[in-house]
Amino acid sequence: MPGQPCANHPNEITYVRCGRCEKPICVRCMVDSPVGKKCRECARNRNHLSESTPRQVLLAFTAATAVAIPLGFVMHGMGGIGWILVPFIYGYLVGEVALRAGQRRRSLAMQVAAGLAALIGSAVGMAPLLLLTLALIQHPVPTPPETEAPVAFHFTSLTWPLIRTGIGIIATVSRVRFL
């Protein structure tokens, strides 16, 4: 095998090639790895946890948002005993869709995209409740004076939906982040 100029240093003649990309590398460019010599670019420890393409992030965000919006209506329409479990199921489903659409990448960009999709879905699902609360503030229902509720009561009625939203976002990001 004849010597070739190094890919990064053309004045250096080398007989060594990168074990991954087959690029000729000189002594200054080579990095020892458990499986042989590699160039510095290939020796970086890159995996699915740290890299994702913008296309994968966009696909994950689009698919997760498409699932999160109808599930947001379900999550905020549920009441009764299961209200605390529904946000966890919501987060799991939105996160799983983001993972599958994004080819199982778990980068920070994927976590942000999935969390943003969960926020959008929950906000759209909570919109009817918010509009109803604002309508009751502007046009209160006439009640006898002794049972009249203060305006702050309407704002506290949004506390649980906001808690459900927070739990859903945390569950979504956790699903994308961890196995």
Protein backbone atom coordinates (compact mmCIF):
# COMPACT_ATOMS: atom_id res chain seq x y z
CA MET A 1 0.00 0.00 0.00
CA PRO A 2 1.60 3.27 -1.07
CA GLY A 3 1.72 6.26 1.30
CA GLN A 4 -0.88 8.96 0.89
CA PRO A 5 -1.00 12.56 2.06
CA CYS A 6 -2.92 13.13 5.31
CA ALA A 7 -6.42 14.52 4.79
CA ASN A 8 -5.74 17.41 7.20
CA HIS A 9 -1.98 17.87 6.64
CA PRO A 10 -1.18 17.41 2.92
CA ASN A 11 2.61 17.63 3.52
CA GLU A 12 2.55 14.53 5.79
CA ILE A 13 2.69 11.14 4.08
CA THR A 14 0.87 8.39 5.97
CA TYR A 15 0.08 4.70 5.66
CA VAL A 16 -2.73 4.76 8.21
CA ARG A 17 -6.44 5.19 7.47
CA CYS A 18 -9.30 5.94 9.85
CA GLY A 19 -10.99 2.73 10.93
CA ARG A 20 -14.43 4.24 10.38
CA CYS A 21 -14.33 6.61 7.40
CA GLU A 22 -11.16 5.33 5.67
CA LYS A 23 -9.69 8.85 5.50
CA PRO A 24 -5.84 8.91 5.49
CA ILE A 25 -4.59 10.29 8.84
CA CYS A 26 -1.14 11.22 10.13
CA VAL A 27 0.24 10.79 13.64
CA ARG A 28 -1.03 14.23 14.68
CA CYS A 29 -4.59 13.46 13.52
CA MET A 30 -5.03 9.91 14.77
CA VAL A 31 -6.79 8.97 17.98
CA ASP A 32 -6.45 5.54 19.60
CA SER A 33 -9.77 3.81 20.17
CA PRO A 34 -10.69 0.33 21.39
CA VAL A 35 -11.23 -0.75 17.78
CA GLY A 36 -8.17 0.87 16.17
CA LYS A 37 -7.03 4.26 14.92
CA LYS A 38 -9.63 6.88 14.06
CA CYS A 39 -9.61 10.48 12.89
CA ARG A 40 -10.64 13.09 15.45
CA GLU A 41 -14.06 13.55 13.85
CA CYS A 42 -14.91 9.83 13.99
CA ALA A 43 -13.44 9.43 17.48
CA ARG A 44 -15.97 11.80 19.02
CA ASN A 45 -18.42 9.82 21.08
CA ARG A 46 -21.59 10.58 19.14
CA ASN A 47 -24.73 8.55 19.53
CA HIS A 48 -28.50 8.86 19.32
CA LEU A 49 -28.57 10.71 22.65
CA SER A 50 -26.73 13.73 21.32
CA GLU A 51 -27.47 14.00 17.64
CA SER A 52 -30.62 14.55 15.68
CA THR A 53 -31.19 16.26 12.38
CA PRO A 54 -33.53 19.23 11.98
CA ARG A 55 -35.74 17.02 9.81
CA GLN A 56 -36.09 14.46 12.61
CA VAL A 57 -36.92 17.20 15.12
CA LEU A 58 -39.51 18.72 12.76
CA LEU A 59 -41.13 15.33 12.11
CA ALA A 60 -41.24 14.59 15.84
CA PHE A 61 -42.74 18.00 16.64
CA THR A 62 -45.37 17.73 13.89
CA ALA A 63 -46.45 14.21 14.81
CA ALA A 64 -46.46 14.93 18.55
CA THR A 65 -48.52 18.09 18.07
CA ALA A 66 -51.02 16.24 15.87
CA VAL A 67 -51.52 13.73 18.69
CA ALA A 68 -51.31 16.23 21.56
CA ILE A 69 -54.16 18.48 20.42
CA PRO A 70 -56.97 15.88 20.54
CA LEU A 71 -55.46 14.34 23.67
CA GLY A 72 -55.40 17.82 25.24
CA PHE A 73 -59.17 18.01 24.89
CA VAL A 74 -59.48 14.57 26.47
CA MET A 75 -57.10 15.45 29.31
CA HIS A 76 -58.91 18.65 30.25
CA GLY A 77 -62.36 17.17 29.66
CA MET A 78 -61.73 14.38 32.15
CA GLY A 79 -62.83 14.91 35.69
CA GLY A 80 -63.43 12.82 38.72
CA ILE A 81 -61.11 10.22 40.16
CA GLY A 82 -58.82 9.74 37.13
CA TRP A 83 -57.81 13.35 36.75
CA ILE A 84 -54.35 12.77 38.25
CA LEU A 85 -53.55 9.75 36.04
CA VAL A 86 -54.63 11.31 32.75
CA PRO A 87 -51.68 13.77 32.46
CA PHE A 88 -49.20 10.91 32.87
CA ILE A 89 -50.91 8.94 30.11
CA TYR A 90 -51.06 12.10 27.98
CA GLY A 91 -47.33 12.72 28.47
CA TYR A 92 -46.42 9.11 27.75
CA LEU A 93 -48.41 9.03 24.50
CA VAL A 94 -47.16 12.39 23.21
CA GLY A 95 -43.56 11.48 24.11
CA GLU A 96 -43.82 8.06 22.47
CA VAL A 97 -45.17 9.57 19.25
CA ALA A 98 -42.32 12.10 19.25
CA LEU A 99 -39.78 9.31 19.77
CA ARG A 100 -41.15 7.15 16.99
CA ALA A 101 -41.50 10.00 14.50
CA GLY A 102 -38.01 11.26 15.36
CA GLN A 103 -36.41 7.82 14.83
CA ARG A 104 -35.78 7.27 18.54
CA ARG A 105 -33.40 10.23 18.89
CA ARG A 106 -33.22 11.63 22.41
CA SER A 107 -31.32 14.87 21.89
CA LEU A 108 -32.06 18.11 23.70
CA ALA A 109 -33.77 19.45 20.57
CA MET A 110 -36.12 16.44 20.57
CA GLN A 111 -36.94 17.00 24.23
CA VAL A 112 -37.77 20.65 23.56
CA ALA A 113 -39.87 19.77 20.51
CA ALA A 114 -41.85 17.12 22.41
CA GLY A 115 -42.36 19.43 25.42
CA LEU A 116 -43.51 22.26 23.17
CA ALA A 117 -45.94 19.93 21.39
CA ALA A 118 -47.34 18.84 24.77
CA LEU A 119 -47.73 22.50 25.82
CA ILE A 120 -49.52 23.41 22.58
CA GLY A 121 -51.84 20.41 22.80
CA SER A 122 -52.68 21.11 26.41
CA ALA A 123 -53.23 24.83 25.77
CA VAL A 124 -55.58 24.12 22.87
CA GLY A 125 -57.41 21.54 24.99
CA MET A 126 -57.70 24.01 27.84
CA ALA A 127 -58.94 26.88 25.61
CA PRO A 128 -62.68 26.16 26.04
CA LEU A 129 -62.26 26.15 29.83
CA LEU A 130 -60.30 29.40 29.70
CA LEU A 131 -62.91 31.04 27.46
CA LEU A 132 -65.70 29.90 29.77
CA THR A 133 -63.87 31.32 32.79
CA LEU A 134 -63.31 34.66 31.03
CA ALA A 135 -66.98 34.77 30.00
CA LEU A 136 -68.08 34.17 33.59
CA ILE A 137 -65.85 36.97 34.80
CA GLN A 138 -67.23 39.44 32.26
CA HIS A 139 -70.87 38.33 32.57
CA PRO A 140 -71.42 36.69 35.93
CA VAL A 141 -74.45 34.51 36.46
CA PRO A 142 -76.93 36.26 38.78
CA THR A 143 -76.95 34.64 42.21
CA PRO A 144 -78.47 35.53 45.54
CA PRO A 145 -76.26 37.98 47.47
CA GLU A 146 -75.41 35.52 50.25
CA THR A 147 -73.92 32.94 47.81
CA GLU A 148 -72.11 35.33 45.48
CA ALA A 149 -68.60 34.11 44.72
CA PRO A 150 -65.74 36.57 44.33
CA VAL A 151 -64.01 36.99 40.94
CA ALA A 152 -60.90 35.21 42.28
CA PHE A 153 -62.94 32.00 42.43
CA HIS A 154 -62.94 31.83 38.63
CA PHE A 155 -59.18 32.11 38.48
CA THR A 156 -58.71 29.32 40.99
CA SER A 157 -60.82 27.11 38.76
CA LEU A 158 -57.86 27.19 36.33
CA THR A 159 -55.42 25.87 38.94
CA TRP A 160 -56.03 22.17 38.31
CA PRO A 161 -55.87 22.43 34.51
CA LEU A 162 -52.55 24.25 34.84
CA ILE A 163 -51.26 21.54 37.19
CA ARG A 164 -52.39 18.87 34.71
CA THR A 165 -50.59 20.76 31.94
CA GLY A 166 -47.37 20.88 33.94
CA ILE A 167 -47.54 17.18 34.78
CA GLY A 168 -48.23 16.35 31.13
CA ILE A 169 -45.23 18.36 29.90
CA ILE A 170 -42.91 16.83 32.49
CA ALA A 171 -44.13 13.32 31.60
CA THR A 172 -43.62 14.00 27.88
CA VAL A 173 -40.06 15.30 28.26
CA SER A 174 -39.24 12.46 30.66
CA ARG A 175 -40.47 9.92 28.12
CA VAL A 176 -38.24 11.39 25.41
CA ARG A 177 -35.28 11.80 27.74
CA PHE A 178 -35.20 8.44 29.50
CA LEU A 179 -35.98 4.88 28.51
